């Protein structure tokens, strides 16, 4: 009776501990899976599109600057077409990028600074040259364009602010990727721990069945065989 109670107690304790360890490993695995899923969504839905959109916005800003220079240099109206095309595309690209980076610290302010720098370039560099070209004063427009000490700081301001924003996005991608890798590692570790627990439970169950169930029945069967063979002095286990 004491042995049976001891066996039952040990089995119950082992079952409780196994359940607790399994539940803990499962909770860790679920949390890690959720973290990995969230990090993956952040990369695919926000940061990766933001990087591409920021690159596209800088390309359009640059296209405007190049088109203006080509137009003033050649005085050919066809060279102004890319300028107008970029001007028509920029607002939508800016709006999309603003939505993508809205939840990140400092990124919206950096984007706003880049947009402000572009508006300043339009007002201080592009507008005077275009006004001179509309008046037919090509010489004046070219003189304005040739004034590099005046025009270059405005162009650089646009590029520098966009480069800073792109660096922020890249840094954000690196941080989220690191978080994703960490969550995946935790998930794998939790799954391995669950596998180990299952293996221990299986091994323990096999040991219990063999030690406490099969061995006594085997002893009884052997004693019964001896008695059947005429060995009435054989002892039968309790």
Protein backbone atom coordinates (compact mmCIF):
# COMPACT_ATOMS: atom_id res chain seq x y z
CA UNK A 1 0.00 0.00 0.00
CA UNK A 2 2.80 2.35 0.93
CA UNK A 3 4.63 1.49 -2.25
CA UNK A 4 1.50 2.00 -4.31
CA UNK A 5 0.88 5.34 -2.63
CA UNK A 6 4.49 6.33 -3.16
CA UNK A 7 4.27 5.40 -6.83
CA UNK A 8 1.06 7.35 -7.25
CA UNK A 9 2.49 10.36 -5.47
CA UNK A 10 5.63 10.36 -7.55
CA UNK A 11 3.63 9.94 -10.74
CA UNK A 12 1.33 12.82 -9.80
CA UNK A 13 4.26 15.06 -8.91
CA UNK A 14 6.03 14.21 -12.17
CA UNK A 15 2.84 14.90 -14.13
CA UNK A 16 2.35 18.29 -12.46
CA UNK A 17 5.97 19.33 -13.03
CA UNK A 18 5.81 18.19 -16.64
CA UNK A 19 2.63 20.15 -17.22
CA UNK A 20 4.12 23.26 -15.63
CA UNK A 21 7.30 23.06 -17.70
CA UNK A 22 5.34 22.36 -20.88
CA UNK A 23 2.93 25.23 -20.18
CA UNK A 24 5.83 27.60 -19.53
CA UNK A 25 7.64 26.54 -22.69
CA UNK A 26 4.40 26.86 -24.68
CA UNK A 27 3.78 30.37 -23.30
CA UNK A 28 7.32 31.41 -24.20
CA UNK A 29 6.94 29.89 -27.67
CA UNK A 30 3.63 31.69 -28.28
CA UNK A 31 5.06 35.02 -27.10
CA UNK A 32 8.14 34.56 -29.30
CA UNK A 33 5.99 33.62 -32.28
CA UNK A 34 3.86 36.74 -31.75
CA UNK A 35 6.98 38.89 -31.48
CA UNK A 36 8.44 37.39 -34.64
CA UNK A 37 5.15 37.91 -36.48
CA UNK A 38 4.91 41.56 -35.38
CA UNK A 39 8.53 42.25 -36.34
CA UNK A 40 8.03 40.63 -39.72
CA UNK A 41 4.91 42.69 -40.36
CA UNK A 42 6.69 45.89 -39.34
CA UNK A 43 9.48 45.17 -41.79
CA UNK A 44 7.26 44.18 -44.69
CA UNK A 45 4.46 46.70 -44.14
CA UNK A 46 6.37 49.77 -42.99
CA UNK A 47 10.15 49.92 -42.99
CA UNK A 48 10.94 48.19 -46.29
CA UNK A 49 8.28 50.20 -48.19
CA UNK A 50 9.47 53.35 -46.39
CA UNK A 51 13.03 52.78 -47.62
CA UNK A 52 11.84 52.40 -51.20
CA UNK A 53 9.51 55.40 -50.97
CA UNK A 54 12.24 57.60 -49.47
CA UNK A 55 14.56 56.62 -52.31
CA UNK A 56 11.82 57.44 -54.83
CA UNK A 57 11.18 60.81 -53.23
CA UNK A 58 14.86 61.74 -53.36
CA UNK A 59 14.95 60.68 -57.00
CA UNK A 60 12.08 63.02 -57.80
CA UNK A 61 13.66 65.91 -55.91
CA UNK A 62 16.86 65.31 -57.83
CA UNK A 63 14.94 64.99 -61.11
CA UNK A 64 13.50 68.45 -60.58
CA UNK A 65 16.92 69.95 -59.97
CA UNK A 66 18.46 68.23 -63.01
CA UNK A 67 15.53 69.14 -65.25
CA UNK A 68 15.74 72.80 -64.23
CA UNK A 69 19.46 72.87 -65.00
CA UNK A 70 18.94 71.23 -68.39
CA UNK A 71 16.08 73.57 -69.27
CA UNK A 72 18.01 76.72 -68.44
CA UNK A 73 21.08 75.43 -70.27
CA UNK A 74 19.27 74.42 -73.47
CA UNK A 75 16.25 76.77 -73.38
CA UNK A 76 14.31 73.86 -74.93
CA UNK A 77 10.76 73.51 -73.50
CA UNK A 78 11.00 69.72 -73.79
CA UNK A 79 13.66 69.73 -71.08
CA UNK A 80 11.14 71.19 -68.65
CA UNK A 81 8.79 68.17 -68.98
CA UNK A 82 10.63 66.03 -66.38
CA UNK A 83 10.49 68.96 -63.97
CA UNK A 84 6.72 69.15 -64.26
CA UNK A 85 6.32 65.38 -64.06
CA UNK A 86 8.33 65.22 -60.85
CA UNK A 87 6.39 68.16 -59.42
CA UNK A 88 3.14 66.31 -60.07
CA UNK A 89 4.36 63.09 -58.42
CA UNK A 90 6.07 64.53 -55.34
CA UNK A 91 2.96 65.31 -53.19
CA UNK A 92 1.64 61.74 -53.38
CA UNK A 93 5.05 60.24 -52.62
CA UNK A 94 5.52 62.60 -49.66
CA UNK A 95 2.10 61.68 -48.30
CA UNK A 96 2.78 57.93 -48.60
CA UNK A 97 6.15 58.26 -46.89
CA UNK A 98 4.60 60.33 -44.10
CA UNK A 99 2.09 57.52 -43.42
CA UNK A 100 4.80 54.87 -43.36
CA UNK A 101 7.07 56.67 -40.88
CA UNK A 102 4.34 58.25 -38.75
CA UNK A 103 4.86 55.95 -35.75
CA UNK A 104 8.63 56.33 -35.55
CA UNK A 105 10.40 58.87 -33.40
CA UNK A 106 12.19 61.69 -35.26
CA UNK A 107 11.36 60.36 -38.75
CA UNK A 108 8.27 62.55 -39.33
CA UNK A 109 10.19 65.65 -38.26
CA UNK A 110 13.09 64.76 -40.55
CA UNK A 111 10.73 64.23 -43.47
CA UNK A 112 9.08 67.58 -42.74
CA UNK A 113 12.52 69.21 -42.73
CA UNK A 114 13.29 67.66 -46.14
CA UNK A 115 9.97 68.87 -47.54
CA UNK A 116 10.67 72.35 -46.17
CA UNK A 117 14.14 72.32 -47.74
CA UNK A 118 12.60 71.35 -51.09
CA UNK A 119 10.05 74.18 -50.87
CA UNK A 120 12.86 76.59 -50.06
CA UNK A 121 14.79 75.37 -53.09
CA UNK A 122 11.73 75.90 -55.26
CA UNK A 123 11.26 79.43 -53.94
CA UNK A 124 14.88 80.58 -53.82
CA UNK A 125 16.42 78.73 -56.78
CA UNK A 126 13.83 77.36 -59.19
CA UNK A 127 11.30 80.20 -59.12
CA UNK A 128 13.73 83.04 -60.08
CA UNK A 129 15.23 81.01 -62.92
CA UNK A 130 11.83 79.96 -64.28
CA UNK A 131 10.58 83.54 -64.04
CA UNK A 132 13.57 84.75 -66.06
CA UNK A 133 12.97 82.06 -68.68
CA UNK A 134 9.30 83.04 -68.97
CA UNK A 135 10.36 86.64 -69.60
CA UNK A 136 12.74 85.40 -72.28
CA UNK A 137 15.73 86.57 -70.28
CA UNK A 138 17.78 83.41 -70.77
CA UNK A 139 21.01 85.21 -69.88
CA UNK A 140 19.59 86.17 -66.50
CA UNK A 141 18.40 82.62 -65.82
CA UNK A 142 21.81 81.23 -66.72
CA UNK A 143 23.53 83.78 -64.55
CA UNK A 144 21.35 82.74 -61.63
CA UNK A 145 22.12 79.11 -62.31
CA UNK A 146 25.84 79.79 -62.50
CA UNK A 147 25.82 81.36 -59.05
CA UNK A 148 26.86 78.10 -57.35
CA UNK A 149 27.60 79.61 -53.92
CA UNK A 150 23.95 80.70 -53.83
CA UNK A 151 22.22 77.64 -55.34
CA UNK A 152 24.32 74.76 -53.97
CA UNK A 153 23.43 75.14 -50.26
CA UNK A 154 19.73 74.79 -51.07
CA UNK A 155 20.30 71.64 -53.14
CA UNK A 156 22.55 70.15 -50.49
CA UNK A 157 20.00 70.88 -47.77
CA UNK A 158 17.42 68.76 -49.59
CA UNK A 159 19.83 65.88 -50.16
CA UNK A 160 21.27 65.95 -46.64
CA UNK A 161 17.87 65.81 -44.96
CA UNK A 162 16.71 62.99 -47.20
CA UNK A 163 19.95 61.09 -46.57
CA UNK A 164 19.42 61.50 -42.83
CA UNK A 165 15.90 60.13 -43.15
CA UNK A 166 17.14 57.17 -45.18
CA UNK A 167 19.76 56.44 -42.51
CA UNK A 168 17.06 56.50 -39.84
CA UNK A 169 14.97 54.04 -41.81
CA UNK A 170 17.97 51.76 -42.30
CA UNK A 171 18.71 51.88 -38.57
CA UNK A 172 15.08 51.03 -37.84
CA UNK A 173 15.29 48.06 -40.20
CA UNK A 174 18.41 46.81 -38.43
CA UNK A 175 16.76 47.07 -35.00
CA UNK A 176 13.58 45.29 -36.08
CA UNK A 177 15.58 42.61 -37.88
CA UNK A 178 17.58 42.03 -34.69
CA UNK A 179 14.34 41.75 -32.75
CA UNK A 180 12.99 39.30 -35.31
CA UNK A 181 16.10 37.11 -35.10
CA UNK A 182 15.97 37.17 -31.29
CA UNK A 183 12.31 36.15 -31.27
CA UNK A 184 13.03 33.32 -33.70
CA UNK A 185 15.88 32.08 -31.50
CA UNK A 186 13.64 32.14 -28.42
CA UNK A 187 10.94 30.29 -30.35
CA UNK A 188 13.37 27.58 -31.43
CA UNK A 189 14.69 27.27 -27.86
CA UNK A 190 11.16 26.93 -26.48
CA UNK A 191 10.27 24.29 -29.04
CA UNK A 192 13.42 22.36 -28.19
CA UNK A 193 12.56 22.58 -24.49
CA UNK A 194 9.08 21.23 -25.21
CA UNK A 195 10.61 18.40 -27.20
CA UNK A 196 12.94 17.56 -24.32
CA UNK A 197 10.02 17.56 -21.88
CA UNK A 198 8.06 15.23 -24.14
CA UNK A 199 11.07 12.94 -24.42
CA UNK A 200 11.52 12.94 -20.61
CA UNK A 201 7.82 12.18 -20.12
CA UNK A 202 8.01 9.32 -22.60
CA UNK A 203 11.17 7.92 -20.97
CA UNK A 204 9.69 8.30 -17.50
CA UNK A 205 6.47 6.63 -18.54
CA UNK A 206 8.39 3.73 -20.06
CA UNK A 207 10.43 3.37 -16.86
CA UNK A 208 7.35 3.44 -14.63
CA UNK A 209 5.52 0.87 -16.74
CA UNK A 210 8.57 -1.40 -16.85
CA UNK A 211 9.61 -0.99 -13.22
CA UNK A 212 6.29 -0.93 -11.40
CA UNK A 213 3.88 -2.77 -13.70
CA UNK A 214 5.60 -5.15 -16.09
CA UNK A 215 8.24 -6.45 -13.64
CA UNK A 216 5.69 -7.55 -10.95
CA UNK A 217 3.42 -9.19 -13.53
CA UNK A 218 6.40 -10.99 -15.03
CA UNK A 219 7.39 -12.25 -11.56
CA UNK A 220 3.84 -13.49 -10.91
CA UNK A 221 3.73 -15.23 -14.28
CA UNK A 222 7.04 -16.98 -13.63
CA UNK A 223 5.89 -18.11 -10.17
CA UNK A 224 2.65 -19.40 -11.65
CA UNK A 225 4.60 -21.33 -14.27
CA UNK A 226 6.74 -22.93 -11.54
CA UNK A 227 3.69 -23.89 -9.53
CA UNK A 228 2.06 -25.32 -12.65
CA UNK A 229 5.21 -27.34 -13.21
CA UNK A 230 4.84 -28.91 -9.74
CA UNK A 231 7.11 -26.63 -7.73
CA UNK A 232 4.65 -25.92 -4.92
CA UNK A 233 7.39 -24.37 -2.83
CA UNK A 234 7.70 -21.45 -5.26
CA UNK A 235 6.90 -18.13 -3.66
CA UNK A 236 4.31 -15.93 -5.36
CA UNK A 237 4.95 -12.14 -5.09
CA UNK A 238 2.32 -10.09 -3.34
